[in-house]
Protein backbone atom coordinates (compact mmCIF):
# COMPACT_ATOMS: atom_id res chain seq x y z
CA MET A 1 3.59 36.87 -15.48
CA SER A 2 3.58 34.73 -18.28
CA ASP A 3 2.53 31.02 -18.54
CA SER A 4 5.69 29.14 -19.36
CA ALA A 5 5.57 25.72 -20.46
CA ASP A 6 8.41 25.12 -17.60
CA ASP A 7 5.56 25.73 -14.81
CA ARG A 8 2.96 23.56 -15.78
CA PRO A 9 3.32 19.76 -15.84
CA ASP A 10 2.95 17.65 -19.48
CA LEU A 11 -0.53 16.02 -18.38
CA SER A 12 -2.67 13.94 -20.11
CA ASP A 13 -6.42 15.06 -20.47
CA ALA A 14 -7.13 11.99 -18.21
CA GLN A 15 -4.96 13.28 -15.50
CA ARG A 16 -6.02 16.51 -15.63
CA ALA A 17 -9.67 15.25 -15.38
CA HIS A 18 -8.27 12.98 -12.39
CA LEU A 19 -6.96 15.83 -10.62
CA ARG A 20 -10.12 17.98 -11.05
CA ASP A 21 -12.53 15.15 -10.19
CA TRP A 22 -10.36 14.74 -6.79
CA ALA A 23 -10.34 18.11 -6.19
CA GLU A 24 -13.97 18.62 -6.50
CA ALA A 25 -14.65 15.76 -4.57
CA ASN A 26 -12.29 16.37 -1.41
CA ILE A 27 -11.09 19.81 -1.18
CA PRO A 28 -13.28 21.52 1.29
CA ARG A 29 -14.23 24.63 0.32
CA GLY A 30 -15.17 26.40 3.18
CA GLN A 31 -14.54 30.20 4.35
CA CYS A 32 -11.43 32.07 2.82
CA PRO A 33 -9.21 32.75 5.64
CA TRP A 34 -8.50 36.63 4.92
CA CYS A 35 -12.03 37.65 3.48
CA LYS A 36 -14.60 34.99 4.62
CA SER A 37 -15.72 34.37 0.95
CA SER A 38 -16.57 30.95 -0.07
CA ASP A 39 -16.23 31.24 -3.81
CA TRP A 40 -13.21 29.22 -4.73
CA GLN A 41 -11.68 28.65 -8.33
CA ILE A 42 -9.72 25.40 -8.77
CA GLY A 43 -6.71 25.99 -11.24
CA ASP A 44 -4.78 24.04 -13.43
CA PRO A 45 -1.93 21.99 -11.79
CA VAL A 46 1.77 24.14 -11.60
CA VAL A 47 5.24 22.52 -11.25
CA LEU A 48 6.77 24.66 -7.93
CA PRO A 49 10.80 25.17 -8.26
CA ALA A 50 11.01 22.88 -5.12
CA TYR A 51 11.97 19.32 -5.37
CA LEU A 52 10.73 16.53 -2.50
CA ALA A 53 12.80 14.43 -0.91
CA ASP A 54 12.74 11.51 -4.08
CA GLY A 55 14.17 14.07 -6.23
CA LYS A 56 10.57 14.74 -8.05
CA PRO A 57 9.28 17.91 -8.57
CA LEU A 58 6.63 19.28 -6.28
CA VAL A 59 3.41 19.81 -8.55
CA VAL A 60 0.46 21.23 -6.89
CA LEU A 61 -2.90 22.49 -7.67
CA PRO A 62 -3.90 25.82 -6.72
CA VAL A 63 -7.14 26.75 -5.06
CA THR A 64 -7.95 30.75 -5.34
CA CYS A 65 -10.69 32.82 -3.61
CA GLU A 66 -12.54 34.72 -6.37
CA ARG A 67 -12.84 37.39 -4.03
CA CYS A 68 -9.30 38.64 -2.45
CA ALA A 69 -7.22 36.26 -4.48
CA TYR A 70 -6.12 34.30 -1.64
CA VAL A 71 -4.36 31.16 -2.93
CA ARG A 72 -3.70 27.68 -1.20
CA PHE A 73 -1.86 25.10 -2.58
CA HIS A 74 -2.86 21.04 -2.48
CA SER A 75 -0.20 18.28 -3.42
CA ALA A 76 -1.16 16.62 -6.78
CA ARG A 77 0.89 13.53 -5.60
CA GLN A 78 -1.28 13.23 -2.45
CA MET A 79 -4.11 13.27 -4.90
CA GLY A 80 -2.96 10.07 -6.81
CA PHE A 81 -0.97 11.83 -9.16
CA VAL A 82 2.13 9.96 -10.79
CA GLY A 83 3.57 11.51 -13.65
CA ASP A 84 6.69 11.46 -15.75
CA GLN A 85 8.25 14.45 -14.54
CA ALA A 86 12.05 14.62 -14.68
CA ALA A 87 14.13 14.04 -11.74
CA ARG A 88 16.03 17.24 -9.89
CA PRO A 89 18.48 18.47 -12.08
CA GLU A 90 22.20 18.08 -11.12
C-alpha cells in the first residue's frame, strides 16, 4: 500500500493540529467492538474516493485499534474542518 499525495488532504499544520485536538477531546475511545481492547491510535486525515452532496470530497480521520487493527472513520467536516479541497471532477 502506498501513501500517495492523492489520498491525503493538503492541510496546514494549524488544520492538522485542530483535527488532532478535536479528536483527542471528543472521540470516545471505549472498547474495540472486535477484540475489546481500549488502545486506539488516531491517524492522519485521508481523502476517501467518495463525495458529499455538495461535491466536496469526504475527508476522514481514521482511528485504529492497536491490538487487532480494526479501523473506524470520523468525518473531518463534522470536526470543523473546512478546506480548499477540489470539487468533484466532471
